[in-house]
C-alpha cells in the first residue's frame, strides 16, 4: 500500500544553501524555501551584474517575514 503524500510543515526551521540564488530556478527556490520557514543563504557568482535581482529577492523574502515569518532574513 502506498502512503498518501503530505504537504511539508509550514515552519521547517533550519537553513537552506541555494546556489545561483539571484535568478531563475535559484530565485524561485530561495523564495519558496523562505516561505516554508527556512533561513536562506543565497550564493551567486557575479554580484555586480545581479545586484538588482538580489536586492529585489531580499525585499521579497523580508516581506514574507513581515507577513508572519520569523527572522527569515537577518
PDB file of N, CA and C in Angstrom:
ATOM      1  N   UNK A   1       0.814  -1.174   0.000  1.00  0.00           N
ATOM      2  CA  UNK A   1       0.000   0.000   0.000  1.00  0.00           C
ATOM      3  C   UNK A   1       0.869   1.252   0.000  1.00  0.00           C
ATOM      4  N   UNK A   2       0.507   2.203  -0.772  1.00  0.00           N
ATOM      5  CA  UNK A   2       1.238   3.469  -0.813  1.00  0.00           C
ATOM      6  C   UNK A   2       0.667   4.439   0.210  1.00  0.00           C
ATOM      7  N   UNK A   3       1.586   5.149   0.876  1.00  0.00           N
ATOM      8  CA  UNK A   3       1.135   6.188   1.797  1.00  0.00           C
ATOM      9  C   UNK A   3       0.798   7.440   1.000  1.00  0.00           C
ATOM     10  N   UNK A   4      -0.195   8.171   1.463  1.00  0.00           N
ATOM     11  CA  UNK A   4      -0.540   9.399   0.760  1.00  0.00           C
ATOM     12  C   UNK A   4       0.535  10.455   1.004  1.00  0.00           C
ATOM     13  N   UNK A   5       0.801  11.262  -0.006  1.00  0.00           N
ATOM     14  CA  UNK A   5       1.791  12.331   0.127  1.00  0.00           C
ATOM     15  C   UNK A   5       1.179  13.465   0.930  1.00  0.00           C
ATOM     16  N   UNK A   6       1.985  14.047   1.807  1.00  0.00           N
ATOM     17  CA  UNK A   6       1.525  15.149   2.626  1.00  0.00           C
ATOM     18  C   UNK A   6       2.326  16.392   2.308  1.00  0.00           C
ATOM     19  N   UNK A   7       1.708  17.560   2.535  1.00  0.00           N
ATOM     20  CA  UNK A   7       2.410  18.824   2.358  1.00  0.00           C
ATOM     21  C   UNK A   7       3.431  18.984   3.471  1.00  0.00           C
ATOM     22  N   UNK A   8       4.557  19.668   3.181  1.00  0.00           N
ATOM     23  CA  UNK A   8       5.535  19.896   4.241  1.00  0.00           C
ATOM     24  C   UNK A   8       4.956  20.824   5.293  1.00  0.00           C
ATOM     25  N   UNK A   9       5.505  20.787   6.512  1.00  0.00           N
ATOM     26  CA  UNK A   9       5.003  21.683   7.555  1.00  0.00           C
ATOM     27  C   UNK A   9       5.241  23.135   7.181  1.00  0.00           C
ATOM     28  N   UNK A  10       4.443  24.021   7.755  1.00  0.00           N
ATOM     29  CA  UNK A  10       4.547  25.446   7.450  1.00  0.00           C
ATOM     30  C   UNK A  10       5.902  25.984   7.869  1.00  0.00           C
ATOM     31  N   UNK A  11       6.409  25.596   9.038  1.00  0.00           N
ATOM     32  CA  UNK A  11       7.691  26.092   9.537  1.00  0.00           C
ATOM     33  C   UNK A  11       8.649  24.925   9.671  1.00  0.00           C
ATOM     34  N   UNK A  12       9.639  24.846   8.789  1.00  0.00           N
ATOM     35  CA  UNK A  12      10.589  23.749   8.805  1.00  0.00           C
ATOM     36  C   UNK A  12      11.751  24.015   9.754  1.00  0.00           C
ATOM     37  N   UNK A  13      12.168  25.282   9.876  1.00  0.00           N
ATOM     38  CA  UNK A  13      13.331  25.611  10.694  1.00  0.00           C
ATOM     39  C   UNK A  13      14.613  25.278   9.966  1.00  0.00           C
ATOM     40  N   UNK A  14      15.701  25.791  10.445  1.00  0.00           N
ATOM     41  CA  UNK A  14      16.988  25.484   9.844  1.00  0.00           C
ATOM     42  C   UNK A  14      17.343  26.411   8.692  1.00  0.00           C
ATOM     43  N   UNK A  15      18.355  26.013   7.968  1.00  0.00           N
ATOM     44  CA  UNK A  15      18.919  26.820   6.885  1.00  0.00           C
ATOM     45  C   UNK A  15      18.887  26.076   5.564  1.00  0.00           C
ATOM     46  N   UNK A  16      18.852  26.855   4.475  1.00  0.00           N
ATOM     47  CA  UNK A  16      18.982  26.295   3.127  1.00  0.00           C
ATOM     48  C   UNK A  16      20.088  27.054   2.411  1.00  0.00           C
ATOM     49  N   UNK A  17      20.991  26.350   1.762  1.00  0.00           N
ATOM     50  CA  UNK A  17      22.023  26.946   0.927  1.00  0.00           C
ATOM     51  C   UNK A  17      21.547  26.825  -0.515  1.00  0.00           C
ATOM     52  N   UNK A  18      21.382  27.970  -1.191  1.00  0.00           N
ATOM     53  CA  UNK A  18      20.891  27.964  -2.572  1.00  0.00           C
ATOM     54  C   UNK A  18      21.970  28.543  -3.467  1.00  0.00           C
ATOM     55  N   UNK A  19      22.475  27.723  -4.384  1.00  0.00           N
ATOM     56  CA  UNK A  19      23.461  28.183  -5.361  1.00  0.00           C
ATOM     57  C   UNK A  19      22.721  28.753  -6.561  1.00  0.00           C
ATOM     58  N   UNK A  20      23.183  29.888  -7.062  1.00  0.00           N
ATOM     59  CA  UNK A  20      22.502  30.532  -8.180  1.00  0.00           C
ATOM     60  C   UNK A  20      21.217  31.207  -7.744  1.00  0.00           C
ATOM     61  N   UNK A  21      21.231  31.785  -6.546  1.00  0.00           N
ATOM     62  CA  UNK A  21      20.015  32.311  -5.928  1.00  0.00           C
ATOM     63  C   UNK A  21      19.517  33.612  -6.536  1.00  0.00           C
ATOM     64  N   UNK A  22      20.265  34.209  -7.439  1.00  0.00           N
ATOM     65  CA  UNK A  22      19.889  35.533  -7.938  1.00  0.00           C
ATOM     66  C   UNK A  22      19.021  35.523  -9.188  1.00  0.00           C
ATOM     67  N   UNK A  23      18.724  34.343  -9.726  1.00  0.00           N
ATOM     68  CA  UNK A  23      17.870  34.314 -10.918  1.00  0.00           C
ATOM     69  C   UNK A  23      17.357  32.896 -11.165  1.00  0.00           C
ATOM     70  N   UNK A  24      16.371  32.820 -12.009  1.00  0.00           N
ATOM     71  CA  UNK A  24      15.855  31.534 -12.470  1.00  0.00           C
ATOM     72  C   UNK A  24      15.388  30.615 -11.362  1.00  0.00           C
ATOM     73  N   UNK A  25      15.773  29.336 -11.487  1.00  0.00           N
ATOM     74  CA  UNK A  25      15.349  28.324 -10.529  1.00  0.00           C
ATOM     75  C   UNK A  25      15.822  28.663  -9.119  1.00  0.00           C
ATOM     76  N   UNK A  26      17.050  29.165  -8.988  1.00  0.00           N
ATOM     77  CA  UNK A  26      17.571  29.522  -7.668  1.00  0.00           C
ATOM     78  C   UNK A  26      16.750  30.602  -7.000  1.00  0.00           C
ATOM     79  N   UNK A  27      16.301  31.573  -7.773  1.00  0.00           N
ATOM     80  CA  UNK A  27      15.445  32.635  -7.231  1.00  0.00           C
ATOM     81  C   UNK A  27      14.130  32.055  -6.722  1.00  0.00           C
ATOM     82  N   UNK A  28      13.492  31.246  -7.541  1.00  0.00           N
ATOM     83  CA  UNK A  28      12.211  30.644  -7.167  1.00  0.00           C
ATOM     84  C   UNK A  28      12.389  29.738  -5.951  1.00  0.00           C
ATOM     85  N   UNK A  29      13.466  28.965  -5.935  1.00  0.00           N
ATOM     86  CA  UNK A  29      13.723  28.065  -4.809  1.00  0.00           C
ATOM     87  C   UNK A  29      13.972  28.857  -3.529  1.00  0.00           C
ATOM     88  N   UNK A  30      14.724  29.946  -3.613  1.00  0.00           N
ATOM     89  CA  UNK A  30      15.006  30.769  -2.431  1.00  0.00           C
ATOM     90  C   UNK A  30      13.728  31.301  -1.808  1.00  0.00           C
ATOM     91  N   UNK A  31      12.859  31.818  -2.637  1.00  0.00           N
ATOM     92  CA  UNK A  31      11.602  32.384  -2.140  1.00  0.00           C
ATOM     93  C   UNK A  31      10.704  31.280  -1.576  1.00  0.00           C
ATOM     94  N   UNK A  32      10.635  30.147  -2.258  1.00  0.00           N
ATOM     95  CA  UNK A  32       9.799  29.037  -1.781  1.00  0.00           C
ATOM     96  C   UNK A  32      10.317  28.484  -0.458  1.00  0.00           C
ATOM     97  N   UNK A  33      11.621  28.366  -0.327  1.00  0.00           N
ATOM     98  CA  UNK A  33      12.201  27.859   0.920  1.00  0.00           C
ATOM     99  C   UNK A  33      11.966  28.836   2.069  1.00  0.00           C
ATOM    100  N   UNK A  34      12.103  30.128   1.789  1.00  0.00           N
ATOM    101  CA  UNK A  34      11.834  31.143   2.818  1.00  0.00           C
ATOM    102  C   UNK A  34      10.370  31.103   3.217  1.00  0.00           C
ATOM    103  N   UNK A  35       9.494  30.949   2.243  1.00  0.00           N
ATOM    104  CA  UNK A  35       8.057  30.859   2.528  1.00  0.00           C
ATOM    105  C   UNK A  35       7.750  29.634   3.397  1.00  0.00           C
ATOM    106  N   UNK A  36       8.520  28.555   3.226  1.00  0.00           N
ATOM    107  CA  UNK A  36       8.326  27.334   4.017  1.00  0.00           C
ATOM    108  C   UNK A  36       8.947  27.439   5.407  1.00  0.00           C
ATOM    109  N   UNK A  37       9.635  28.552   5.675  1.00  0.00           N
ATOM    110  CA  UNK A  37      10.154  28.771   7.017  1.00  0.00           C
ATOM    111  C   UNK A  37      11.642  28.596   7.196  1.00  0.00           C
ATOM    112  N   UNK A  38      12.372  28.323   6.122  1.00  0.00           N
ATOM    113  CA  UNK A  38      13.814  28.176   6.230  1.00  0.00           C
ATOM    114  C   UNK A  38      14.515  29.524   6.127  1.00  0.00           C
ATOM    115  N   UNK A  39      15.642  29.641   6.793  1.00  0.00           N
ATOM    116  CA  UNK A  39      16.528  30.783   6.591  1.00  0.00           C
ATOM    117  C   UNK A  39      17.346  30.462   5.347  1.00  0.00           C
ATOM    118  N   UNK A  40      17.440  31.404   4.423  1.00  0.00           N
ATOM    119  CA  UNK A  40      18.086  31.148   3.126  1.00  0.00           C
ATOM    120  C   UNK A  40      19.428  31.856   3.056  1.00  0.00           C
ATOM    121  N   UNK A  41      20.452  31.105   2.682  1.00  0.00           N
ATOM    122  CA  UNK A  41      21.769  31.654   2.402  1.00  0.00           C
ATOM    123  C   UNK A  41      21.967  31.499   0.907  1.00  0.00           C
ATOM    124  N   UNK A  42      21.834  32.604   0.164  1.00  0.00           N
ATOM    125  CA  UNK A  42      21.916  32.552  -1.291  1.00  0.00           C
ATOM    126  C   UNK A  42      23.313  32.875  -1.783  1.00  0.00           C
ATOM    127  N   UNK A  43      23.775  32.123  -2.764  1.00  0.00           N
ATOM    128  CA  UNK A  43      25.096  32.312  -3.347  1.00  0.00           C
ATOM    129  C   UNK A  43      24.929  32.609  -4.832  1.00  0.00           C
ATOM    130  N   UNK A  44      25.634  33.620  -5.315  1.00  0.00           N
ATOM    131  CA  UNK A  44      25.646  33.932  -6.739  1.00  0.00           C
ATOM    132  C   UNK A  44      27.064  34.341  -7.106  1.00  0.00           C
ATOM    133  N   UNK A  45      27.457  34.102  -8.348  1.00  0.00           N
ATOM    134  CA  UNK A  45      28.846  34.281  -8.750  1.00  0.00           C
ATOM    135  C   UNK A  45      29.238  35.720  -9.061  1.00  0.00           C
ATOM    136  N   UNK A  46      28.369  36.484  -9.659  1.00  0.00           N
ATOM    137  CA  UNK A  46      28.743  37.824 -10.106  1.00  0.00           C
ATOM    138  C   UNK A  46      27.852  38.872  -9.452  1.00  0.00           C
ATOM    139  N   UNK A  47      28.228  39.341  -8.259  1.00  0.00           N
ATOM    140  CA  UNK A  47      27.361  40.268  -7.530  1.00  0.00           C
ATOM    141  C   UNK A  47      27.087  41.571  -8.274  1.00  0.00           C
ATOM    142  N   UNK A  48      28.017  42.043  -9.089  1.00  0.00           N
ATOM    143  CA  UNK A  48      27.800  43.311  -9.798  1.00  0.00           C
ATOM    144  C   UNK A  48      26.674  43.200 -10.819  1.00  0.00           C
ATOM    145  N   UNK A  49      26.647  42.116 -11.559  1.00  0.00           N
ATOM    146  CA  UNK A  49      25.633  42.010 -12.610  1.00  0.00           C
ATOM    147  C   UNK A  49      24.279  41.562 -12.069  1.00  0.00           C
ATOM    148  N   UNK A  50      24.246  41.025 -10.861  1.00  0.00           N
ATOM    149  CA  UNK A  50      22.983  40.518 -10.325  1.00  0.00           C
ATOM    150  C   UNK A  50      22.492  41.288  -9.102  1.00  0.00           C
ATOM    151  N   UNK A  51      23.160  42.372  -8.743  1.00  0.00           N
ATOM    152  CA  UNK A  51      22.827  43.095  -7.525  1.00  0.00           C
ATOM    153  C   UNK A  51      21.366  43.546  -7.482  1.00  0.00           C
ATOM    154  N   UNK A  52      20.842  44.056  -8.597  1.00  0.00           N
ATOM    155  CA  UNK A  52      19.438  44.484  -8.622  1.00  0.00           C
ATOM    156  C   UNK A  52      18.500  43.317  -8.312  1.00  0.00           C
ATOM    157  N   UNK A  53      18.769  42.144  -8.910  1.00  0.00           N
ATOM    158  CA  UNK A  53      17.940  40.964  -8.642  1.00  0.00           C
ATOM    159  C   UNK A  53      18.040  40.551  -7.184  1.00  0.00           C
ATOM    160  N   UNK A  54      19.258  40.567  -6.656  1.00  0.00           N
ATOM    161  CA  UNK A  54      19.466  40.160  -5.263  1.00  0.00           C
ATOM    162  C   UNK A  54      18.688  41.075  -4.330  1.00  0.00           C
ATOM    163  N   UNK A  55      18.762  42.370  -4.555  1.00  0.00           N
ATOM    164  CA  UNK A  55      18.038  43.319  -3.707  1.00  0.00           C
ATOM    165  C   UNK A  55      16.531  43.093  -3.780  1.00  0.00           C
ATOM    166  N   UNK A  56      16.025  42.790  -4.965  1.00  0.00           N
ATOM    167  CA  UNK A  56      14.594  42.527  -5.138  1.00  0.00           C
ATOM    168  C   UNK A  56      14.190  41.242  -4.404  1.00  0.00           C
ATOM    169  N   UNK A  57      15.014  40.203  -4.499  1.00  0.00           N
ATOM    170  CA  UNK A  57      14.715  38.928  -3.848  1.00  0.00           C
ATOM    171  C   UNK A  57      14.752  39.084  -2.323  1.00  0.00           C
ATOM    172  N   UNK A  58      15.747  39.804  -1.823  1.00  0.00           N
ATOM    173  CA  UNK A  58      15.844  40.042  -0.385  1.00  0.00           C
ATOM    174  C   UNK A  58      14.615  40.795   0.105  1.00  0.00           C
ATOM    175  N   UNK A  59      14.195  41.804  -0.656  1.00  0.00           N
ATOM    176  CA  UNK A  59      12.992  42.559  -0.280  1.00  0.00           C
ATOM    177  C   UNK A  59      11.765  41.647  -0.248  1.00  0.00           C
ATOM    178  N   UNK A  60      11.654  40.749  -1.216  1.00  0.00           N
ATOM    179  CA  UNK A  60      10.539  39.803  -1.255  1.00  0.00           C
ATOM    180  C   UNK A  60      10.559  38.903  -0.024  1.00  0.00           C
ATOM    181  N   UNK A  61      11.731  38.371   0.304  1.00  0.00           N
ATOM    182  CA  UNK A  61      11.845  37.474   1.451  1.00  0.00           C
ATOM    183  C   UNK A  61      11.606  38.232   2.754  1.00  0.00           C
ATOM    184  N   UNK A  62      12.092  39.440   2.856  1.00  0.00           N
ATOM    185  CA  UNK A  62      11.826  40.247   4.042  1.00  0.00           C
ATOM    186  C   UNK A  62      10.328  40.515   4.173  1.00  0.00           C
ATOM    187  N   UNK A  63       9.645  40.693   3.052  1.00  0.00           N
ATOM    188  CA  UNK A  63       8.193  40.877   3.072  1.00  0.00           C
ATOM    189  C   UNK A  63       7.487  39.655   3.621  1.00  0.00           C
ATOM    190  N   UNK A  64       8.004  38.463   3.332  1.00  0.00           N
ATOM    191  CA  UNK A  64       7.426  37.241   3.888  1.00  0.00           C
ATOM    192  C   UNK A  64       7.569  37.248   5.403  1.00  0.00           C
ATOM    193  N   UNK A  65       8.699  37.731   5.872  1.00  0.00           N
ATOM    194  CA  UNK A  65       8.937  37.805   7.313  1.00  0.00           C
ATOM    195  C   UNK A  65       7.931  38.735   7.979  1.00  0.00           C
ATOM    196  N   UNK A  66       7.654  39.872   7.350  1.00  0.00           N
ATOM    197  CA  UNK A  66       6.696  40.826   7.909  1.00  0.00           C
ATOM    198  C   UNK A  66       5.274  40.272   7.887  1.00  0.00           C
ATOM    199  N   UNK A  67       5.018  39.274   7.035  1.00  0.00           N
ATOM    200  CA  UNK A  67       3.675  38.698   6.951  1.00  0.00           C
ATOM    201  C   UNK A  67       3.475  37.573   7.954  1.00  0.00           C
ATOM    202  N   UNK A  68       4.453  37.356   8.825  1.00  0.00           N
ATOM    203  CA  UNK A  68       4.244  36.352   9.866  1.00  0.00           C
ATOM    204  C   UNK A  68       5.377  35.371  10.039  1.00  0.00           C
ATOM    205  N   UNK A  69       6.392  35.411   9.184  1.00  0.00           N
ATOM    206  CA  UNK A  69       7.549  34.546   9.371  1.00  0.00           C
ATOM    207  C   UNK A  69       8.392  35.050  10.521  1.00  0.00           C
ATOM    208  N   UNK A  70       9.408  34.284  10.880  1.00  0.00           N
ATOM    209  CA  UNK A  70      10.272  34.665  11.983  1.00  0.00           C
ATOM    210  C   UNK A  70      11.695  34.816  11.464  1.00  0.00           C
ATOM    211  N   UNK A  71      12.220  36.033  11.473  1.00  0.00           N
ATOM    212  CA  UNK A  71      13.618  36.300  11.141  1.00  0.00           C
ATOM    213  C   UNK A  71      14.077  35.531   9.903  1.00  0.00           C
ATOM    214  N   UNK A  72      13.322  35.611   8.838  1.00  0.00           N
ATOM    215  CA  UNK A  72      13.676  34.882   7.629  1.00  0.00           C
ATOM    216  C   UNK A  72      14.953  35.456   7.009  1.00  0.00           C
ATOM    217  N   UNK A  73      15.101  36.753   7.034  1.00  0.00           N
ATOM    218  CA  UNK A  73      16.330  37.395   6.562  1.00  0.00           C
ATOM    219  C   UNK A  73      16.906  38.160   7.726  1.00  0.00           C
ATOM    220  N   UNK A  74      18.162  37.902   8.023  1.00  0.00           N
ATOM    221  CA  UNK A  74      18.765  38.582   9.167  1.00  0.00           C
ATOM    222  C   UNK A  74      19.945  39.407   8.814  1.00  0.00           C
TER     223      UNK A  74
END
